[in-house]
Amino acid sequence: MVAGGAAIICFTTGLGSVSGSKPVPAIKLASNTTLYERMRDDMDIDRGPIVEREATVEGIGKKSFTPS
């Protein structure tokens, strides 16, 4: 992706694979809250609330990418 011109990588994981990239930032998206809690130091965004129907994709997106 970086070689193709990506300026940022969003990496989704459900099993806890940690991936990073030195040339561009990588945002790590945990697919469930259990994983996010277990790997809090390695994950950036918890998408578990979407699966649990506590939040929407749009809501998590706005929360994740809107400056505070």
N, C-alpha and C. Protein backbone atom coordinates (compact mmCIF):
# COMPACT_ATOMS: atom_id res chain seq x y z
N MET A 1 0.82 -1.19 0.00
CA MET A 1 0.00 0.00 0.00
C MET A 1 0.86 1.26 0.00
N VAL A 2 1.93 1.21 0.76
CA VAL A 2 2.82 2.37 0.82
C VAL A 2 3.45 2.63 -0.54
N ALA A 3 3.90 1.58 -1.19
CA ALA A 3 4.51 1.73 -2.51
C ALA A 3 3.52 2.29 -3.53
N GLY A 4 2.23 2.03 -3.29
CA GLY A 4 1.19 2.53 -4.19
C GLY A 4 0.77 3.96 -3.87
N GLY A 5 1.33 4.56 -2.82
CA GLY A 5 1.07 5.95 -2.52
C GLY A 5 0.21 6.21 -1.29
N ALA A 6 -0.07 5.18 -0.49
CA ALA A 6 -0.90 5.38 0.71
C ALA A 6 -0.20 6.33 1.67
N ALA A 7 -0.96 7.27 2.21
CA ALA A 7 -0.43 8.22 3.18
C ALA A 7 -0.68 7.77 4.61
N ILE A 8 -1.60 6.83 4.77
CA ILE A 8 -1.94 6.26 6.08
C ILE A 8 -2.53 4.88 5.84
N ILE A 9 -2.30 3.96 6.76
CA ILE A 9 -2.84 2.60 6.64
C ILE A 9 -3.76 2.34 7.82
N CYS A 10 -4.95 1.83 7.55
CA CYS A 10 -5.87 1.38 8.59
C CYS A 10 -5.84 -0.13 8.58
N PHE A 11 -5.32 -0.72 9.63
CA PHE A 11 -5.13 -2.17 9.72
C PHE A 11 -6.16 -2.76 10.67
N THR A 12 -7.02 -3.62 10.16
CA THR A 12 -8.06 -4.26 10.96
C THR A 12 -7.58 -5.62 11.43
N THR A 13 -7.80 -5.93 12.71
CA THR A 13 -7.43 -7.23 13.24
C THR A 13 -8.51 -7.73 14.19
N GLY A 14 -8.74 -9.02 14.14
CA GLY A 14 -9.68 -9.65 15.04
C GLY A 14 -9.00 -10.63 15.97
N LEU A 15 -7.76 -10.98 15.63
CA LEU A 15 -7.01 -11.96 16.41
C LEU A 15 -5.86 -11.35 17.18
N GLY A 16 -5.56 -10.09 16.94
CA GLY A 16 -4.49 -9.43 17.69
C GLY A 16 -3.19 -9.28 16.94
N SER A 17 -3.20 -9.46 15.62
CA SER A 17 -1.98 -9.22 14.86
C SER A 17 -1.65 -7.74 14.94
N VAL A 18 -0.43 -7.44 15.28
CA VAL A 18 0.00 -6.05 15.29
C VAL A 18 0.85 -5.82 14.06
N SER A 19 0.54 -4.78 13.37
CA SER A 19 1.25 -4.45 12.15
C SER A 19 1.55 -2.97 12.18
N GLY A 20 2.66 -2.61 11.66
CA GLY A 20 3.02 -1.21 11.62
C GLY A 20 3.79 -0.92 10.35
N SER A 21 4.04 0.33 10.11
CA SER A 21 4.76 0.72 8.91
C SER A 21 5.55 1.98 9.22
N LYS A 22 6.84 1.92 9.01
CA LYS A 22 7.67 3.09 9.30
C LYS A 22 7.45 4.23 8.31
N PRO A 23 7.27 3.98 7.02
CA PRO A 23 7.12 5.11 6.09
C PRO A 23 5.84 5.92 6.28
N VAL A 24 4.75 5.30 6.73
CA VAL A 24 3.49 6.00 6.94
C VAL A 24 2.86 5.52 8.25
N PRO A 25 2.02 6.35 8.85
CA PRO A 25 1.35 5.92 10.08
C PRO A 25 0.38 4.76 9.82
N ALA A 26 0.22 3.91 10.80
CA ALA A 26 -0.74 2.81 10.73
C ALA A 26 -1.70 2.95 11.91
N ILE A 27 -3.00 2.98 11.61
CA ILE A 27 -4.03 3.01 12.65
C ILE A 27 -4.52 1.58 12.80
N LYS A 28 -4.43 1.04 14.01
CA LYS A 28 -4.83 -0.35 14.25
C LYS A 28 -6.24 -0.39 14.81
N LEU A 29 -7.12 -1.09 14.11
CA LEU A 29 -8.54 -1.18 14.44
C LEU A 29 -8.85 -2.54 15.03
N ALA A 30 -9.22 -2.58 16.30
CA ALA A 30 -9.61 -3.84 16.94
C ALA A 30 -11.05 -4.14 16.59
N SER A 31 -11.33 -5.34 16.14
CA SER A 31 -12.68 -5.69 15.70
C SER A 31 -13.62 -6.04 16.85
N ASN A 32 -13.08 -6.20 18.05
CA ASN A 32 -13.95 -6.48 19.20
C ASN A 32 -13.33 -5.89 20.46
N THR A 33 -14.18 -5.63 21.43
CA THR A 33 -13.75 -4.96 22.66
C THR A 33 -12.82 -5.82 23.50
N THR A 34 -13.03 -7.13 23.51
CA THR A 34 -12.14 -8.02 24.27
C THR A 34 -10.71 -7.89 23.79
N LEU A 35 -10.52 -7.91 22.48
CA LEU A 35 -9.19 -7.74 21.90
C LEU A 35 -8.63 -6.35 22.24
N TYR A 36 -9.45 -5.33 22.09
CA TYR A 36 -9.00 -3.97 22.38
C TYR A 36 -8.51 -3.84 23.83
N GLU A 37 -9.28 -4.38 24.75
CA GLU A 37 -8.90 -4.31 26.17
C GLU A 37 -7.62 -5.10 26.45
N ARG A 38 -7.48 -6.28 25.83
CA ARG A 38 -6.31 -7.12 26.05
C ARG A 38 -5.04 -6.50 25.46
N MET A 39 -5.19 -5.79 24.34
CA MET A 39 -4.02 -5.24 23.64
C MET A 39 -4.09 -3.72 23.55
N ARG A 40 -4.56 -3.09 24.59
CA ARG A 40 -4.77 -1.63 24.60
C ARG A 40 -3.53 -0.85 24.15
N ASP A 41 -2.34 -1.32 24.48
CA ASP A 41 -1.11 -0.60 24.09
C ASP A 41 -0.81 -0.71 22.60
N ASP A 42 -1.38 -1.71 21.93
CA ASP A 42 -1.11 -1.91 20.51
C ASP A 42 -2.27 -1.52 19.59
N MET A 43 -3.47 -1.38 20.12
CA MET A 43 -4.64 -1.05 19.31
C MET A 43 -4.97 0.43 19.46
N ASP A 44 -5.48 1.03 18.40
CA ASP A 44 -5.83 2.44 18.43
C ASP A 44 -7.33 2.69 18.55
N ILE A 45 -8.13 1.88 17.89
CA ILE A 45 -9.57 2.11 17.86
C ILE A 45 -10.31 0.81 18.15
N ASP A 46 -11.28 0.89 19.07
CA ASP A 46 -12.12 -0.25 19.41
C ASP A 46 -13.40 -0.19 18.57
N ARG A 47 -13.59 -1.16 17.67
CA ARG A 47 -14.80 -1.21 16.86
C ARG A 47 -15.80 -2.21 17.42
N GLY A 48 -15.55 -2.75 18.60
CA GLY A 48 -16.46 -3.68 19.24
C GLY A 48 -17.86 -3.13 19.43
N PRO A 49 -18.01 -1.85 19.81
CA PRO A 49 -19.37 -1.32 19.98
C PRO A 49 -20.24 -1.42 18.72
N ILE A 50 -19.63 -1.44 17.55
CA ILE A 50 -20.40 -1.61 16.32
C ILE A 50 -21.00 -3.01 16.28
N VAL A 51 -20.19 -4.02 16.57
CA VAL A 51 -20.65 -5.41 16.56
C VAL A 51 -21.71 -5.62 17.64
N GLU A 52 -21.52 -4.99 18.78
CA GLU A 52 -22.45 -5.15 19.91
C GLU A 52 -23.68 -4.24 19.77
N ARG A 53 -23.77 -3.52 18.66
CA ARG A 53 -24.90 -2.61 18.36
C ARG A 53 -25.06 -1.50 19.39
N GLU A 54 -23.94 -1.09 19.95
CA GLU A 54 -23.93 0.03 20.89
C GLU A 54 -23.54 1.33 20.19
N ALA A 55 -23.05 1.21 18.95
CA ALA A 55 -22.62 2.37 18.17
C ALA A 55 -22.77 2.02 16.69
N THR A 56 -22.72 3.06 15.86
CA THR A 56 -22.80 2.85 14.41
C THR A 56 -21.42 3.01 13.79
N VAL A 57 -21.27 2.54 12.57
CA VAL A 57 -20.02 2.72 11.84
C VAL A 57 -19.74 4.23 11.71
N GLU A 58 -20.77 4.98 11.37
CA GLU A 58 -20.61 6.43 11.22
C GLU A 58 -20.18 7.08 12.53
N GLY A 59 -20.79 6.65 13.63
CA GLY A 59 -20.45 7.23 14.94
C GLY A 59 -19.02 6.95 15.35
N ILE A 60 -18.59 5.70 15.17
CA ILE A 60 -17.19 5.36 15.51
C ILE A 60 -16.24 6.09 14.58
N GLY A 61 -16.59 6.21 13.31
CA GLY A 61 -15.75 6.94 12.35
C GLY A 61 -15.58 8.39 12.73
N LYS A 62 -16.68 9.04 13.07
CA LYS A 62 -16.60 10.46 13.47
C LYS A 62 -15.78 10.62 14.75
N LYS A 63 -16.02 9.74 15.71
CA LYS A 63 -15.29 9.80 16.97
C LYS A 63 -13.79 9.56 16.75
N SER A 64 -13.46 8.67 15.83
CA SER A 64 -12.07 8.29 15.59
C SER A 64 -11.28 9.34 14.82
N PHE A 65 -11.93 10.02 13.89
CA PHE A 65 -11.20 10.89 12.99
C PHE A 65 -11.54 12.37 13.10
N THR A 66 -12.31 12.75 14.12
CA THR A 66 -12.60 14.16 14.35
C THR A 66 -11.69 14.67 15.46
N PRO A 67 -10.98 15.74 15.20
CA PRO A 67 -10.09 16.29 16.24
C PRO A 67 -10.87 16.68 17.49
N SER A 68 -10.28 16.46 18.64
CA SER A 68 -10.94 16.80 19.91
C SER A 68 -10.78 18.27 20.22
